């Protein structure tokens, strides 16, 4: 909660336009944001990037989001497919009329690729060439579990996360 407020306050006090989004409604509500699809006026995002841009021209609020946002947070990014990642990049470039990555929008992406699969695809966004070129070199991994102190419980949670639950985990014994 504190970090979320601090980040928003920083952006507000420095006149930085911030979009706070997530791939699911539940995740969006937890970060006091909107789904990426709602914020960006993407609908189901089944159309081509060009068709979505043309539709957005008739939706001034969402179109303005793309034009003015400087920092875009996308939570639960593991649920984003390669196709959607590339499409959103193209939408941002087209609306902002900039050939930079995501049209010059600074991205803050968060998620756990061992938890949630991409929606409607078996291709994760990190498999995109755009991701490999622009996101991979700037990725920060958080290797330490902070919320749980018990080492056995942490191991069990890690194994559940990776789908490798052992018999010892099921009965709560140390290895």
N, C-alpha and C. Protein backbone atom coordinates (compact mmCIF):
# COMPACT_ATOMS: atom_id res chain seq x y z
N UNK A 1 0.83 -1.19 0.00
CA UNK A 1 0.00 0.00 0.00
C UNK A 1 0.88 1.26 0.00
N UNK A 2 1.87 1.29 0.90
CA UNK A 2 2.73 2.47 1.02
C UNK A 2 3.47 2.74 -0.28
N UNK A 3 4.05 1.69 -0.89
CA UNK A 3 4.80 1.88 -2.12
C UNK A 3 3.90 2.37 -3.25
N UNK A 4 2.68 1.82 -3.31
CA UNK A 4 1.75 2.21 -4.36
C UNK A 4 1.43 3.70 -4.24
N UNK A 5 1.14 4.14 -3.03
CA UNK A 5 0.82 5.54 -2.79
C UNK A 5 2.03 6.41 -3.09
N UNK A 6 3.21 5.97 -2.67
CA UNK A 6 4.43 6.72 -2.89
C UNK A 6 4.69 6.91 -4.38
N UNK A 7 4.52 5.85 -5.17
CA UNK A 7 4.76 5.92 -6.61
C UNK A 7 3.77 6.88 -7.27
N UNK A 8 2.50 6.76 -6.92
CA UNK A 8 1.48 7.66 -7.47
C UNK A 8 1.76 9.10 -7.06
N UNK A 9 2.12 9.30 -5.79
CA UNK A 9 2.41 10.66 -5.30
C UNK A 9 3.60 11.25 -6.05
N UNK A 10 4.62 10.44 -6.28
CA UNK A 10 5.78 10.90 -7.01
C UNK A 10 5.38 11.36 -8.41
N UNK A 11 4.61 10.52 -9.09
CA UNK A 11 4.17 10.88 -10.45
C UNK A 11 3.31 12.14 -10.42
N UNK A 12 2.38 12.20 -9.48
CA UNK A 12 1.51 13.38 -9.38
C UNK A 12 2.31 14.65 -9.12
N UNK A 13 3.22 14.59 -8.17
CA UNK A 13 3.97 15.80 -7.80
C UNK A 13 4.97 16.21 -8.88
N UNK A 14 5.31 15.30 -9.77
CA UNK A 14 6.23 15.62 -10.86
C UNK A 14 5.51 15.73 -12.21
N UNK A 15 4.18 15.80 -12.16
CA UNK A 15 3.36 15.97 -13.36
C UNK A 15 3.65 14.90 -14.42
N UNK A 16 3.78 13.67 -13.93
CA UNK A 16 4.00 12.51 -14.81
C UNK A 16 2.67 11.79 -14.97
N UNK A 17 2.21 11.69 -16.20
CA UNK A 17 0.94 11.02 -16.47
C UNK A 17 1.13 9.51 -16.31
N UNK A 18 0.33 8.91 -15.43
CA UNK A 18 0.48 7.51 -15.04
C UNK A 18 -0.77 6.73 -15.39
N UNK A 19 -0.59 5.59 -16.04
CA UNK A 19 -1.67 4.64 -16.27
C UNK A 19 -1.42 3.42 -15.40
N UNK A 20 -2.40 3.03 -14.62
CA UNK A 20 -2.26 1.88 -13.71
C UNK A 20 -3.23 0.81 -14.19
N UNK A 21 -2.69 -0.27 -14.73
CA UNK A 21 -3.51 -1.30 -15.34
C UNK A 21 -3.06 -2.70 -14.92
N UNK A 22 -3.93 -3.64 -15.20
CA UNK A 22 -3.62 -5.06 -14.99
C UNK A 22 -4.40 -5.85 -16.02
N UNK A 23 -4.06 -7.11 -16.16
CA UNK A 23 -4.74 -7.94 -17.15
C UNK A 23 -6.05 -8.52 -16.65
N UNK A 24 -6.29 -8.50 -15.34
CA UNK A 24 -7.56 -8.99 -14.81
C UNK A 24 -8.20 -7.90 -13.95
N UNK A 25 -9.50 -7.98 -13.82
CA UNK A 25 -10.22 -7.03 -12.98
C UNK A 25 -9.82 -7.11 -11.53
N UNK A 26 -9.60 -8.33 -11.04
CA UNK A 26 -9.20 -8.51 -9.64
C UNK A 26 -7.85 -7.86 -9.39
N UNK A 27 -6.89 -8.12 -10.25
CA UNK A 27 -5.56 -7.52 -10.09
C UNK A 27 -5.65 -6.00 -10.21
N UNK A 28 -6.46 -5.52 -11.14
CA UNK A 28 -6.62 -4.07 -11.32
C UNK A 28 -7.19 -3.43 -10.07
N UNK A 29 -8.18 -4.06 -9.46
CA UNK A 29 -8.78 -3.47 -8.26
C UNK A 29 -7.79 -3.47 -7.10
N UNK A 30 -6.93 -4.48 -7.03
CA UNK A 30 -5.93 -4.53 -5.95
C UNK A 30 -4.91 -3.41 -6.04
N UNK A 31 -4.66 -2.92 -7.25
CA UNK A 31 -3.70 -1.82 -7.42
C UNK A 31 -4.40 -0.50 -7.70
N UNK A 32 -5.70 -0.50 -7.50
CA UNK A 32 -6.54 0.69 -7.72
C UNK A 32 -6.36 1.25 -9.14
N UNK A 33 -6.45 0.33 -10.09
CA UNK A 33 -6.33 0.71 -11.49
C UNK A 33 -7.50 0.20 -12.29
N UNK A 34 -7.26 -0.02 -13.56
CA UNK A 34 -8.25 -0.53 -14.49
C UNK A 34 -7.63 -1.70 -15.24
N UNK A 35 -8.47 -2.50 -15.87
CA UNK A 35 -7.89 -3.50 -16.76
C UNK A 35 -7.25 -2.75 -17.92
N UNK A 36 -6.21 -3.32 -18.46
CA UNK A 36 -5.54 -2.72 -19.62
C UNK A 36 -6.52 -2.54 -20.77
N UNK A 37 -7.39 -3.52 -20.95
CA UNK A 37 -8.35 -3.47 -22.05
C UNK A 37 -9.34 -2.32 -21.88
N UNK A 38 -9.76 -2.07 -20.65
CA UNK A 38 -10.69 -0.96 -20.39
C UNK A 38 -9.97 0.38 -20.50
N UNK A 39 -8.84 0.51 -19.83
CA UNK A 39 -8.07 1.75 -19.85
C UNK A 39 -7.72 2.15 -21.29
N UNK A 40 -7.28 1.16 -22.08
CA UNK A 40 -6.82 1.45 -23.43
C UNK A 40 -7.88 1.34 -24.50
N UNK A 41 -9.14 1.02 -24.11
CA UNK A 41 -10.21 0.91 -25.09
C UNK A 41 -9.98 -0.21 -26.10
N UNK A 42 -9.37 -1.30 -25.64
CA UNK A 42 -9.00 -2.38 -26.55
C UNK A 42 -10.13 -3.36 -26.85
N UNK A 43 -11.18 -3.34 -26.05
CA UNK A 43 -12.21 -4.35 -26.20
C UNK A 43 -11.57 -5.72 -26.00
N UNK A 44 -11.91 -6.66 -26.85
CA UNK A 44 -11.30 -8.00 -26.75
C UNK A 44 -9.94 -8.05 -27.45
N UNK A 45 -9.57 -6.97 -28.11
CA UNK A 45 -8.28 -6.85 -28.81
C UNK A 45 -8.11 -7.92 -29.88
N UNK A 46 -9.21 -8.33 -30.49
CA UNK A 46 -9.14 -9.36 -31.54
C UNK A 46 -8.84 -8.75 -32.91
N UNK A 47 -9.20 -7.46 -33.09
CA UNK A 47 -8.95 -6.79 -34.37
C UNK A 47 -7.47 -6.50 -34.55
N UNK A 48 -7.12 -6.08 -35.74
CA UNK A 48 -5.74 -5.65 -35.99
C UNK A 48 -5.47 -4.36 -35.22
N UNK A 49 -4.21 -4.06 -35.03
CA UNK A 49 -3.82 -2.83 -34.33
C UNK A 49 -4.41 -1.61 -35.05
N UNK A 50 -4.37 -1.60 -36.37
CA UNK A 50 -4.89 -0.47 -37.15
C UNK A 50 -6.39 -0.30 -36.95
N UNK A 51 -7.13 -1.40 -36.94
CA UNK A 51 -8.58 -1.31 -36.71
C UNK A 51 -8.88 -0.81 -35.30
N UNK A 52 -8.10 -1.24 -34.34
CA UNK A 52 -8.31 -0.77 -32.96
C UNK A 52 -8.01 0.72 -32.88
N UNK A 53 -6.94 1.16 -33.52
CA UNK A 53 -6.61 2.60 -33.52
C UNK A 53 -7.74 3.39 -34.16
N UNK A 54 -8.27 2.92 -35.27
CA UNK A 54 -9.37 3.63 -35.93
C UNK A 54 -10.61 3.70 -35.03
N UNK A 55 -10.88 2.63 -34.31
CA UNK A 55 -12.00 2.63 -33.37
C UNK A 55 -11.73 3.59 -32.22
N UNK A 56 -10.49 3.64 -31.74
CA UNK A 56 -10.12 4.52 -30.63
C UNK A 56 -10.26 6.00 -31.00
N UNK A 57 -10.12 6.33 -32.25
CA UNK A 57 -10.28 7.72 -32.68
C UNK A 57 -11.68 8.24 -32.40
N UNK A 58 -12.64 7.30 -32.27
CA UNK A 58 -14.02 7.68 -31.94
C UNK A 58 -14.29 7.56 -30.43
N UNK A 59 -13.25 7.28 -29.67
CA UNK A 59 -13.37 7.16 -28.21
C UNK A 59 -12.33 8.09 -27.58
N UNK A 60 -12.64 9.37 -27.48
CA UNK A 60 -11.64 10.37 -27.09
C UNK A 60 -10.96 10.11 -25.75
N UNK A 61 -11.68 9.58 -24.79
CA UNK A 61 -11.07 9.37 -23.47
C UNK A 61 -9.95 8.34 -23.55
N UNK A 62 -10.23 7.19 -24.15
CA UNK A 62 -9.22 6.14 -24.26
C UNK A 62 -8.10 6.54 -25.22
N UNK A 63 -8.46 7.22 -26.29
CA UNK A 63 -7.45 7.71 -27.24
C UNK A 63 -6.48 8.65 -26.53
N UNK A 64 -7.02 9.52 -25.69
CA UNK A 64 -6.19 10.47 -24.93
C UNK A 64 -5.30 9.75 -23.93
N UNK A 65 -5.78 8.65 -23.36
CA UNK A 65 -4.92 7.86 -22.47
C UNK A 65 -3.61 7.51 -23.19
N UNK A 66 -3.75 6.97 -24.41
CA UNK A 66 -2.57 6.57 -25.17
C UNK A 66 -1.70 7.77 -25.55
N UNK A 67 -2.33 8.89 -25.89
CA UNK A 67 -1.58 10.09 -26.30
C UNK A 67 -0.77 10.68 -25.14
N UNK A 68 -1.36 10.69 -23.95
CA UNK A 68 -0.76 11.46 -22.86
C UNK A 68 0.02 10.65 -21.83
N UNK A 69 -0.23 9.36 -21.73
CA UNK A 69 0.43 8.58 -20.67
C UNK A 69 1.95 8.59 -20.87
N UNK A 70 2.66 8.78 -19.77
CA UNK A 70 4.12 8.74 -19.81
C UNK A 70 4.65 7.44 -19.21
N UNK A 71 3.99 6.97 -18.15
CA UNK A 71 4.36 5.71 -17.50
C UNK A 71 3.12 4.83 -17.46
N UNK A 72 3.26 3.62 -17.94
CA UNK A 72 2.15 2.68 -17.95
C UNK A 72 2.54 1.44 -17.15
N UNK A 73 1.81 1.20 -16.07
CA UNK A 73 1.99 0.00 -15.26
C UNK A 73 1.06 -1.08 -15.80
N UNK A 74 1.60 -2.26 -16.03
CA UNK A 74 0.79 -3.41 -16.42
C UNK A 74 1.12 -4.54 -15.46
N UNK A 75 0.17 -4.88 -14.60
CA UNK A 75 0.35 -5.97 -13.64
C UNK A 75 -0.21 -7.26 -14.24
N UNK A 76 0.28 -8.39 -13.73
CA UNK A 76 -0.08 -9.72 -14.23
C UNK A 76 0.26 -9.85 -15.71
N UNK A 77 1.42 -9.31 -16.08
CA UNK A 77 1.84 -9.32 -17.47
C UNK A 77 2.07 -10.74 -17.99
N UNK A 78 2.23 -11.70 -17.09
CA UNK A 78 2.41 -13.09 -17.53
C UNK A 78 1.19 -13.58 -18.32
N UNK A 79 0.05 -12.94 -18.13
CA UNK A 79 -1.17 -13.34 -18.84
C UNK A 79 -1.26 -12.73 -20.24
N UNK A 80 -0.27 -11.92 -20.61
CA UNK A 80 -0.27 -11.27 -21.92
C UNK A 80 0.46 -12.15 -22.93
N UNK A 81 -0.18 -12.40 -24.04
CA UNK A 81 0.44 -13.19 -25.10
C UNK A 81 1.41 -12.34 -25.91
N UNK A 82 2.25 -13.02 -26.67
CA UNK A 82 3.15 -12.33 -27.59
C UNK A 82 2.35 -11.47 -28.57
N UNK A 83 1.27 -12.02 -29.09
CA UNK A 83 0.44 -11.29 -30.05
C UNK A 83 -0.11 -10.00 -29.45
N UNK A 84 -0.64 -10.07 -28.23
CA UNK A 84 -1.19 -8.87 -27.60
C UNK A 84 -0.09 -7.87 -27.29
N UNK A 85 1.05 -8.33 -26.81
CA UNK A 85 2.17 -7.44 -26.50
C UNK A 85 2.58 -6.66 -27.75
N UNK A 86 2.75 -7.37 -28.86
CA UNK A 86 3.15 -6.72 -30.11
C UNK A 86 2.06 -5.77 -30.62
N UNK A 87 0.80 -6.17 -30.47
CA UNK A 87 -0.32 -5.35 -30.92
C UNK A 87 -0.39 -4.05 -30.13
N UNK A 88 -0.23 -4.14 -28.82
CA UNK A 88 -0.28 -2.93 -27.99
C UNK A 88 0.89 -2.00 -28.31
N UNK A 89 2.04 -2.57 -28.56
CA UNK A 89 3.20 -1.78 -29.00
C UNK A 89 2.84 -1.00 -30.28
N UNK A 90 2.24 -1.68 -31.24
CA UNK A 90 1.86 -1.04 -32.51
C UNK A 90 0.80 0.04 -32.31
N UNK A 91 -0.16 -0.23 -31.44
CA UNK A 91 -1.21 0.76 -31.14
C UNK A 91 -0.57 2.02 -30.56
N UNK A 92 0.30 1.83 -29.57
CA UNK A 92 0.96 2.97 -28.92
C UNK A 92 1.79 3.77 -29.93
N UNK A 93 2.57 3.08 -30.75
CA UNK A 93 3.38 3.77 -31.76
C UNK A 93 2.52 4.56 -32.73
N UNK A 94 1.43 3.96 -33.18
CA UNK A 94 0.56 4.61 -34.17
C UNK A 94 -0.12 5.84 -33.59
N UNK A 95 -0.72 5.69 -32.42
CA UNK A 95 -1.43 6.82 -31.82
C UNK A 95 -0.47 7.95 -31.46
N UNK A 96 0.69 7.60 -30.92
CA UNK A 96 1.65 8.62 -30.48
C UNK A 96 2.52 9.14 -31.62
N UNK A 97 2.44 8.47 -32.77
CA UNK A 97 3.23 8.83 -33.95
C UNK A 97 4.72 8.89 -33.63
N UNK A 98 5.17 7.86 -32.90
CA UNK A 98 6.58 7.73 -32.55
C UNK A 98 7.02 6.30 -32.81
N UNK A 99 8.17 6.14 -33.44
CA UNK A 99 8.67 4.81 -33.76
C UNK A 99 9.42 4.16 -32.61
N UNK A 100 9.47 4.82 -31.47
CA UNK A 100 10.15 4.24 -30.30
C UNK A 100 9.36 3.05 -29.77
N UNK A 101 10.02 2.25 -28.93
CA UNK A 101 9.36 1.13 -28.27
C UNK A 101 8.14 1.65 -27.49
N UNK A 102 7.00 1.05 -27.76
CA UNK A 102 5.73 1.46 -27.15
C UNK A 102 5.46 2.95 -27.32
N UNK A 103 5.92 3.49 -28.42
CA UNK A 103 5.67 4.91 -28.71
C UNK A 103 6.29 5.86 -27.71
N UNK A 104 7.30 5.38 -26.98
CA UNK A 104 7.97 6.22 -25.99
C UNK A 104 7.37 6.14 -24.60
N UNK A 105 6.37 5.29 -24.39
CA UNK A 105 5.79 5.11 -23.06
C UNK A 105 6.77 4.30 -22.22
N UNK A 106 7.02 4.75 -21.01
CA UNK A 106 7.84 3.97 -20.08
C UNK A 106 6.95 2.92 -19.44
N UNK A 107 7.36 1.66 -19.55
CA UNK A 107 6.56 0.56 -19.02
C UNK A 107 7.09 0.10 -17.67
N UNK A 108 6.17 -0.23 -16.78
CA UNK A 108 6.50 -0.92 -15.53
C UNK A 108 5.66 -2.18 -15.57
N UNK A 109 6.32 -3.31 -15.79
CA UNK A 109 5.63 -4.58 -15.95
C UNK A 109 5.89 -5.45 -14.74
N UNK A 110 4.84 -6.08 -14.23
CA UNK A 110 5.03 -6.97 -13.09
C UNK A 110 4.19 -8.22 -13.27
N UNK A 111 4.69 -9.29 -12.75
CA UNK A 111 3.96 -10.56 -12.83
C UNK A 111 4.90 -11.71 -12.58
N UNK A 112 4.33 -12.86 -12.44
CA UNK A 112 5.09 -14.08 -12.16
C UNK A 112 4.76 -15.09 -13.25
N UNK A 113 5.70 -15.33 -14.14
CA UNK A 113 5.47 -16.21 -15.28
C UNK A 113 5.30 -17.67 -14.88
N UNK A 114 5.56 -17.98 -13.61
CA UNK A 114 5.33 -19.35 -13.14
C UNK A 114 3.93 -19.50 -12.56
N UNK A 115 3.13 -18.45 -12.57
CA UNK A 115 1.80 -18.53 -11.98
C UNK A 115 0.69 -18.58 -13.00
N UNK A 116 0.62 -17.60 -13.89
CA UNK A 116 -0.52 -17.48 -14.78
C UNK A 116 -0.09 -17.51 -16.24
N UNK A 117 -0.74 -18.36 -17.01
CA UNK A 117 -0.44 -18.49 -18.43
C UNK A 117 -1.08 -17.35 -19.22
N UNK A 118 -0.58 -17.12 -20.45
CA UNK A 118 -1.21 -16.11 -21.31
C UNK A 118 -2.65 -16.51 -21.64
N UNK A 119 -3.49 -15.52 -21.80
CA UNK A 119 -4.89 -15.76 -22.12
C UNK A 119 -5.01 -16.05 -23.61
N UNK A 120 -5.60 -17.20 -23.93
CA UNK A 120 -5.91 -17.54 -25.32
C UNK A 120 -4.71 -17.84 -26.20
N UNK A 121 -3.58 -18.17 -25.59
CA UNK A 121 -2.37 -18.43 -26.38
C UNK A 121 -1.41 -19.28 -25.57
N UNK A 122 -0.48 -19.91 -26.25
CA UNK A 122 0.59 -20.62 -25.54
C UNK A 122 1.93 -19.89 -25.70
N UNK A 123 1.86 -18.69 -26.25
CA UNK A 123 3.07 -17.86 -26.46
C UNK A 123 3.09 -16.72 -25.44
N UNK A 124 4.04 -16.77 -24.52
CA UNK A 124 4.19 -15.72 -23.52
C UNK A 124 4.75 -14.44 -24.16
N UNK A 125 4.41 -13.31 -23.56
CA UNK A 125 4.89 -12.04 -24.10
C UNK A 125 6.43 -11.97 -24.10
N UNK A 126 7.08 -12.67 -23.16
CA UNK A 126 8.54 -12.61 -23.13
C UNK A 126 9.18 -13.35 -24.30
N UNK A 127 8.35 -14.05 -25.10
CA UNK A 127 8.86 -14.70 -26.30
C UNK A 127 8.88 -13.75 -27.50
N UNK A 128 8.33 -12.58 -27.33
CA UNK A 128 8.31 -11.58 -28.40
C UNK A 128 9.71 -11.03 -28.63
N UNK A 129 10.05 -10.79 -29.87
CA UNK A 129 11.35 -10.16 -30.18
C UNK A 129 11.44 -8.78 -29.55
N UNK A 130 10.31 -8.06 -29.52
CA UNK A 130 10.28 -6.75 -28.87
C UNK A 130 10.66 -6.86 -27.40
N UNK A 131 10.11 -7.85 -26.73
CA UNK A 131 10.41 -8.07 -25.31
C UNK A 131 11.90 -8.37 -25.15
N UNK A 132 12.40 -9.27 -25.96
CA UNK A 132 13.81 -9.67 -25.86
C UNK A 132 14.74 -8.49 -26.07
N UNK A 133 14.37 -7.60 -26.98
CA UNK A 133 15.21 -6.44 -27.29
C UNK A 133 15.09 -5.33 -26.25
N UNK A 134 13.87 -5.04 -25.82
CA UNK A 134 13.65 -3.84 -25.00
C UNK A 134 13.41 -4.10 -23.51
N UNK A 135 12.80 -5.22 -23.18
CA UNK A 135 12.43 -5.47 -21.79
C UNK A 135 13.49 -6.32 -21.09
N UNK A 136 13.92 -7.41 -21.73
CA UNK A 136 14.88 -8.32 -21.10
C UNK A 136 16.09 -7.62 -20.49
N UNK A 137 16.74 -6.72 -21.23
CA UNK A 137 17.93 -6.07 -20.66
C UNK A 137 17.62 -5.17 -19.46
N UNK A 138 16.36 -4.84 -19.26
CA UNK A 138 15.96 -3.92 -18.19
C UNK A 138 15.11 -4.60 -17.13
N UNK A 139 15.18 -5.91 -17.05
CA UNK A 139 14.35 -6.67 -16.11
C UNK A 139 15.04 -6.78 -14.76
N UNK A 140 14.25 -6.58 -13.73
CA UNK A 140 14.72 -6.75 -12.35
C UNK A 140 13.94 -7.91 -11.75
N UNK A 141 14.64 -8.90 -11.26
CA UNK A 141 14.01 -10.05 -10.62
C UNK A 141 14.12 -9.90 -9.11
N UNK A 142 13.05 -10.24 -8.43
CA UNK A 142 13.05 -10.23 -6.96
C UNK A 142 13.14 -11.66 -6.48
N UNK A 143 14.34 -12.11 -6.09
CA UNK A 143 14.52 -13.52 -5.75
C UNK A 143 14.13 -13.88 -4.31
N UNK A 144 13.99 -12.90 -3.45
CA UNK A 144 13.75 -13.20 -2.04
C UNK A 144 12.27 -13.11 -1.68
N UNK A 145 11.82 -14.12 -0.94
CA UNK A 145 10.47 -14.10 -0.42
C UNK A 145 10.48 -13.25 0.84
N UNK A 146 9.61 -12.26 0.88
CA UNK A 146 9.59 -11.34 2.01
C UNK A 146 8.41 -11.61 2.92
N UNK A 147 7.30 -12.06 2.37
CA UNK A 147 6.08 -12.20 3.16
C UNK A 147 6.07 -13.39 4.10
N UNK A 148 6.91 -14.39 3.84
CA UNK A 148 6.91 -15.61 4.67
C UNK A 148 8.30 -15.84 5.25
N UNK A 149 8.34 -16.06 6.56
CA UNK A 149 9.63 -16.26 7.23
C UNK A 149 9.96 -17.74 7.40
N UNK A 150 8.96 -18.58 7.54
CA UNK A 150 9.17 -20.02 7.79
C UNK A 150 9.77 -20.67 6.55
N UNK A 151 10.98 -21.23 6.64
CA UNK A 151 11.65 -21.78 5.46
C UNK A 151 10.92 -22.98 4.84
N UNK A 152 10.27 -23.79 5.65
CA UNK A 152 9.53 -24.94 5.12
C UNK A 152 8.32 -24.43 4.32
N UNK A 153 7.60 -23.48 4.90
CA UNK A 153 6.43 -22.91 4.22
C UNK A 153 6.85 -22.22 2.92
N UNK A 154 7.98 -21.53 2.93
CA UNK A 154 8.47 -20.86 1.71
C UNK A 154 8.78 -21.89 0.63
N UNK A 155 9.42 -23.00 1.03
CA UNK A 155 9.75 -24.05 0.06
C UNK A 155 8.48 -24.65 -0.52
N UNK A 156 7.49 -24.92 0.33
CA UNK A 156 6.22 -25.48 -0.14
C UNK A 156 5.56 -24.52 -1.13
N UNK A 157 5.52 -23.24 -0.78
CA UNK A 157 4.92 -22.25 -1.69
C UNK A 157 5.66 -22.20 -3.02
N UNK A 158 6.99 -22.24 -2.97
CA UNK A 158 7.79 -22.21 -4.20
C UNK A 158 7.51 -23.45 -5.05
N UNK A 159 7.40 -24.60 -4.41
CA UNK A 159 7.12 -25.83 -5.16
C UNK A 159 5.71 -25.82 -5.75
N UNK A 160 4.74 -25.30 -5.01
CA UNK A 160 3.38 -25.17 -5.54
C UNK A 160 3.40 -24.25 -6.76
N UNK A 161 4.10 -23.15 -6.65
CA UNK A 161 4.19 -22.17 -7.73
C UNK A 161 4.74 -22.79 -9.00
N UNK A 162 5.70 -23.71 -8.85
CA UNK A 162 6.34 -24.34 -10.00
C UNK A 162 5.69 -25.67 -10.38
N UNK A 163 4.65 -26.08 -9.63
CA UNK A 163 3.97 -27.33 -9.94
C UNK A 163 4.79 -28.55 -9.60
N UNK A 164 5.63 -28.46 -8.57
CA UNK A 164 6.52 -29.57 -8.19
C UNK A 164 6.29 -29.98 -6.74
N UNK A 165 5.07 -30.09 -6.31
CA UNK A 165 4.77 -30.43 -4.93
C UNK A 165 5.20 -31.87 -4.63
N UNK A 166 5.99 -32.04 -3.59
CA UNK A 166 6.48 -33.37 -3.19
C UNK A 166 5.61 -33.93 -2.08
N UNK A 167 5.80 -35.22 -1.78
CA UNK A 167 5.06 -35.84 -0.67
C UNK A 167 5.43 -35.17 0.65
N UNK A 168 6.71 -34.80 0.81
CA UNK A 168 7.14 -34.11 2.03
C UNK A 168 6.43 -32.76 2.16
N UNK A 169 6.25 -32.07 1.05
CA UNK A 169 5.54 -30.80 1.06
C UNK A 169 4.10 -30.99 1.52
N UNK A 170 3.47 -32.06 1.05
CA UNK A 170 2.06 -32.29 1.36
C UNK A 170 1.83 -32.54 2.84
N UNK A 171 2.82 -33.13 3.49
CA UNK A 171 2.63 -33.40 4.93
C UNK A 171 3.41 -32.42 5.81
N UNK A 172 4.13 -31.49 5.17
CA UNK A 172 4.78 -30.42 5.90
C UNK A 172 6.08 -30.78 6.60
N UNK A 173 6.79 -31.76 6.08
CA UNK A 173 8.08 -32.14 6.67
C UNK A 173 9.22 -31.39 5.99
N UNK A 174 10.29 -31.21 6.76
CA UNK A 174 11.51 -30.62 6.19
C UNK A 174 12.24 -31.67 5.36
N UNK A 175 12.92 -31.22 4.35
CA UNK A 175 13.74 -32.15 3.52
C UNK A 175 15.01 -32.49 4.23
